[in-house]
Amino acid sequence: MRVGAGNTWRRMAHLALLTGVLAGCSEAEEAAREDSKTSARPSATPAATATSTPTGGSIGAAGSACELPVTFDLAKSWTAESVEAPLRQGPVSLACEIDAKPAGNIGFLRVWTGEPGSDDAQKVLEAFVAAEDGASKPQYRPFKAGELAGVEVEYLYTSELLDEKKTESAFAVTTAGGPVVVHLGGLDTEEHEEMLPAYELAQRTLRTV
């Protein structure tokens, strides 16, 4: 009897030990899964990412690459160049191109300026979008940058060349020197989204000269 009882006790002890090991493994696997979920989550919100965008100087002031009615910060490695023969779109003309290629993207921030007038930022931006063939579904909303109040828009653009739609963004303000529109395009929507932090940096640091 004692031998049988001893075997039974050993079997029970072995079973308890095995249960504990399996429970420990299960807990370890669960912890690993949680760690994996945590590492897969974005490390920052878009706003936090935009706030931490490294800068590469500013443009707009006298002596900068583009002299404008406003000044704002450039994302690191983006390069600005004034436009000698400006194009016109709606009430504004192209004054400056800021190239993303040195930073690894295909696209531009383009700054458009116009003559002083009575139109507010909303009307300027609506006219700008209306003058772009292929633009559709614009969504407008107000924004503030320091003492400046303006309007921004996100819309779809249908490219005849690529036969596909892509997202584009722009914002507008009016100043004593005239209206200013800053536009972000891109090769496609993916490129556009990758360049948004540079666009948001320009909008967030926008000031009058």
Protein backbone atom coordinates (compact mmCIF):
# COMPACT_ATOMS: atom_id res chain seq x y z
CA MET A 1 0.00 0.00 0.00
CA ARG A 2 2.76 2.37 0.87
CA VAL A 3 4.45 1.68 -2.49
CA GLY A 4 1.19 2.35 -4.35
CA ALA A 5 0.59 5.50 -2.34
CA GLY A 6 4.14 6.65 -3.08
CA ASN A 7 3.67 6.13 -6.81
CA THR A 8 0.38 7.99 -6.70
CA TRP A 9 2.02 10.89 -4.82
CA ARG A 10 4.88 11.02 -7.31
CA ARG A 11 2.45 11.02 -10.23
CA MET A 12 0.49 13.84 -8.61
CA ALA A 13 3.67 15.83 -7.94
CA HIS A 14 4.83 15.29 -11.52
CA LEU A 15 1.46 16.42 -12.83
CA ALA A 16 1.52 19.54 -10.67
CA LEU A 17 5.05 20.37 -11.85
CA LEU A 18 4.07 19.87 -15.50
CA THR A 19 0.98 22.06 -15.03
CA GLY A 20 3.13 24.82 -13.53
CA VAL A 21 5.62 24.63 -16.43
CA LEU A 22 2.83 24.79 -19.01
CA ALA A 23 1.22 27.72 -17.17
CA GLY A 24 4.58 29.49 -17.13
CA CYS A 25 5.02 28.89 -20.86
CA SER A 26 1.50 30.17 -21.52
CA GLU A 27 2.19 33.32 -19.53
CA ALA A 28 5.50 33.83 -21.35
CA GLU A 29 3.81 33.38 -24.73
CA GLU A 30 1.07 35.84 -23.75
CA ALA A 31 3.68 38.37 -22.63
CA ALA A 32 5.55 37.90 -25.92
CA ARG A 33 2.34 38.48 -27.86
CA GLU A 34 1.65 41.67 -25.90
CA ASP A 35 5.22 42.88 -26.53
CA SER A 36 4.75 42.17 -30.21
CA LYS A 37 1.49 44.15 -30.28
CA THR A 38 3.13 47.06 -28.48
CA SER A 39 6.10 47.16 -30.85
CA ALA A 40 3.74 46.99 -33.84
CA ARG A 41 1.76 50.03 -32.69
CA PRO A 42 2.83 53.45 -34.10
CA SER A 43 5.34 55.04 -31.75
CA ALA A 44 3.78 58.48 -32.16
CA THR A 45 0.65 60.18 -33.39
CA PRO A 46 0.83 62.17 -36.64
CA ALA A 47 0.84 65.38 -34.60
CA ALA A 48 3.78 64.19 -32.52
CA THR A 49 5.62 63.14 -35.66
CA ALA A 50 5.05 66.55 -37.23
CA THR A 51 6.23 68.30 -34.08
CA SER A 52 9.50 66.36 -34.17
CA THR A 53 10.19 66.98 -37.87
CA PRO A 54 13.82 68.14 -38.15
CA THR A 55 14.12 71.58 -39.72
CA GLY A 56 16.48 72.81 -42.40
CA GLY A 57 16.26 76.57 -42.04
CA SER A 58 13.48 78.84 -43.25
CA ILE A 59 12.39 80.78 -46.32
CA GLY A 60 10.39 83.91 -47.00
CA ALA A 61 12.50 86.60 -45.37
CA ALA A 62 14.71 88.97 -47.35
CA GLY A 63 17.89 87.21 -48.45
CA SER A 64 16.37 83.71 -48.34
CA ALA A 65 16.01 81.47 -51.39
CA CYS A 66 12.43 82.76 -51.89
CA GLU A 67 11.31 86.17 -50.66
CA LEU A 68 7.61 85.96 -49.77
CA PRO A 69 4.92 87.79 -47.76
CA VAL A 70 5.29 84.99 -45.19
CA THR A 71 8.11 82.95 -43.69
CA PHE A 72 8.11 79.32 -42.56
CA ASP A 73 10.49 76.50 -41.69
CA LEU A 74 11.69 73.91 -44.20
CA ALA A 75 12.05 70.23 -43.43
CA LYS A 76 15.65 69.00 -43.34
CA SER A 77 17.25 68.45 -46.77
CA TRP A 78 14.36 70.05 -48.70
CA THR A 79 15.71 72.70 -51.07
CA ALA A 80 13.94 75.91 -52.14
CA GLU A 81 14.27 77.82 -55.40
CA SER A 82 12.42 80.89 -56.63
CA VAL A 83 10.51 80.59 -59.91
CA GLU A 84 11.63 82.92 -62.68
CA ALA A 85 8.63 82.50 -65.01
CA PRO A 86 5.70 81.89 -62.67
CA LEU A 87 2.63 79.91 -63.65
CA ARG A 88 -0.80 81.18 -62.68
CA GLN A 89 -3.58 79.18 -61.01
CA GLY A 90 -6.73 81.05 -60.08
CA PRO A 91 -5.85 84.28 -58.24
CA VAL A 92 -2.21 83.37 -57.48
CA SER A 93 1.06 82.79 -59.33
CA LEU A 94 3.82 80.29 -58.60
CA ALA A 95 6.64 82.02 -56.71
CA CYS A 96 8.71 79.24 -55.11
CA GLU A 97 9.32 75.51 -55.44
CA ILE A 98 10.63 73.47 -52.50
CA ASP A 99 12.00 70.14 -53.73
CA ALA A 100 11.70 66.93 -51.68
CA LYS A 101 14.08 64.83 -53.79
CA PRO A 102 17.19 65.54 -51.65
CA ALA A 103 15.17 64.20 -48.69
CA GLY A 104 14.26 61.01 -50.57
CA ASN A 105 10.76 61.78 -51.89
CA ILE A 106 9.32 62.77 -55.26
CA GLY A 107 7.28 65.94 -54.96
CA PHE A 108 7.26 69.63 -54.16
CA LEU A 109 5.89 72.16 -51.76
CA ARG A 110 4.88 75.00 -54.05
CA VAL A 111 4.23 78.52 -52.82
CA TRP A 112 1.83 80.69 -54.79
CA THR A 113 1.35 84.42 -54.20
CA GLY A 114 -1.08 87.06 -55.44
CA GLU A 115 -1.84 90.77 -55.39
CA PRO A 116 -3.55 92.30 -52.34
CA GLY A 117 -7.34 92.28 -52.65
CA SER A 118 -10.63 91.86 -50.82
CA ASP A 119 -10.95 88.07 -51.05
CA ASP A 120 -10.46 86.14 -47.82
CA ALA A 121 -8.40 82.93 -47.52
CA GLN A 122 -11.44 80.71 -48.15
CA LYS A 123 -12.30 82.39 -51.46
CA VAL A 124 -8.65 82.38 -52.55
CA LEU A 125 -8.29 78.67 -51.83
CA GLU A 126 -11.60 77.77 -53.46
CA ALA A 127 -10.57 79.64 -56.61
CA PHE A 128 -7.17 77.93 -56.54
CA VAL A 129 -8.70 74.44 -56.38
CA ALA A 130 -11.38 75.26 -58.96
CA ALA A 131 -8.66 76.30 -61.42
CA GLU A 132 -6.94 72.90 -61.20
CA ASP A 133 -8.26 70.52 -63.84
CA GLY A 134 -8.90 67.11 -62.30
CA ALA A 135 -9.48 68.34 -58.73
CA SER A 136 -12.52 66.92 -56.92
CA LYS A 137 -14.09 66.36 -53.49
CA PRO A 138 -12.38 69.27 -51.67
CA GLN A 139 -12.74 69.35 -47.88
CA TYR A 140 -12.06 72.75 -46.32
CA ARG A 141 -11.33 73.58 -42.69
CA PRO A 142 -9.89 76.59 -40.82
CA PHE A 143 -6.52 76.61 -39.09
CA LYS A 144 -4.38 78.99 -37.02
CA ALA A 145 -0.63 79.48 -37.01
CA GLY A 146 0.53 82.04 -34.46
CA GLU A 147 -1.39 85.24 -35.21
CA LEU A 148 -2.37 84.05 -38.69
CA ALA A 149 -5.76 82.50 -39.43
CA GLY A 150 -6.25 80.64 -42.68
CA VAL A 151 -8.01 77.81 -44.47
CA GLU A 152 -6.67 74.44 -45.57
CA VAL A 153 -8.03 71.90 -48.02
CA GLU A 154 -7.54 68.26 -48.90
CA TYR A 155 -8.84 67.01 -52.24
CA LEU A 156 -8.48 64.31 -54.86
CA TYR A 157 -6.66 64.92 -58.11
CA THR A 158 -7.17 62.67 -61.12
CA SER A 159 -3.96 62.35 -63.12
CA GLU A 160 -4.58 61.94 -66.85
CA LEU A 161 -1.03 60.68 -67.28
CA LEU A 162 -1.27 57.92 -64.64
CA ASP A 163 -5.05 57.46 -64.91
CA GLU A 164 -5.44 57.30 -61.14
CA LYS A 165 -6.55 59.48 -58.26
CA LYS A 166 -4.20 60.88 -55.64
CA THR A 167 -4.54 63.06 -52.56
CA GLU A 168 -3.30 66.66 -52.56
CA SER A 169 -3.31 69.35 -49.85
CA ALA A 170 -3.03 73.12 -49.70
CA PHE A 171 -3.48 75.98 -47.26
CA ALA A 172 -4.03 79.69 -47.77
CA VAL A 173 -3.69 82.90 -45.79
CA THR A 174 -4.14 86.55 -46.69
CA THR A 175 -1.54 89.15 -45.73
CA ALA A 176 -0.91 92.83 -46.30
CA GLY A 177 1.36 91.75 -49.16
CA GLY A 178 -1.35 89.63 -50.77
CA PRO A 179 -2.68 86.06 -50.53
CA VAL A 180 -0.35 83.08 -50.15
CA VAL A 181 -1.16 79.47 -51.02
CA VAL A 182 1.15 76.60 -50.06
CA HIS A 183 0.42 73.40 -51.98
CA LEU A 184 1.68 69.83 -51.53
CA GLY A 185 1.33 67.37 -54.39
CA GLY A 186 3.42 64.26 -54.89
CA LEU A 187 3.85 61.45 -57.39
CA ASP A 188 1.00 59.51 -55.75
CA THR A 189 -0.92 59.36 -52.47
CA GLU A 190 1.80 57.32 -50.76
CA GLU A 191 4.45 59.92 -51.59
CA HIS A 192 2.03 62.65 -50.50
CA GLU A 193 1.53 61.05 -47.08
CA GLU A 194 5.28 60.61 -46.60
CA MET A 195 5.79 64.32 -47.26
CA LEU A 196 2.98 65.55 -45.00
CA PRO A 197 5.31 66.23 -42.02
CA ALA A 198 7.16 68.83 -44.13
CA TYR A 199 3.85 70.41 -45.16
CA GLU A 200 2.62 70.44 -41.55
CA LEU A 201 5.92 72.00 -40.42
CA ALA A 202 5.49 74.82 -42.95
CA GLN A 203 1.91 75.40 -41.82
CA ARG A 204 2.72 75.27 -38.11
CA THR A 205 5.63 77.76 -38.37
CA LEU A 206 3.91 80.15 -40.79
CA ARG A 207 4.41 83.83 -39.90
CA THR A 208 4.14 87.13 -41.72
CA VAL A 209 7.41 88.74 -42.74
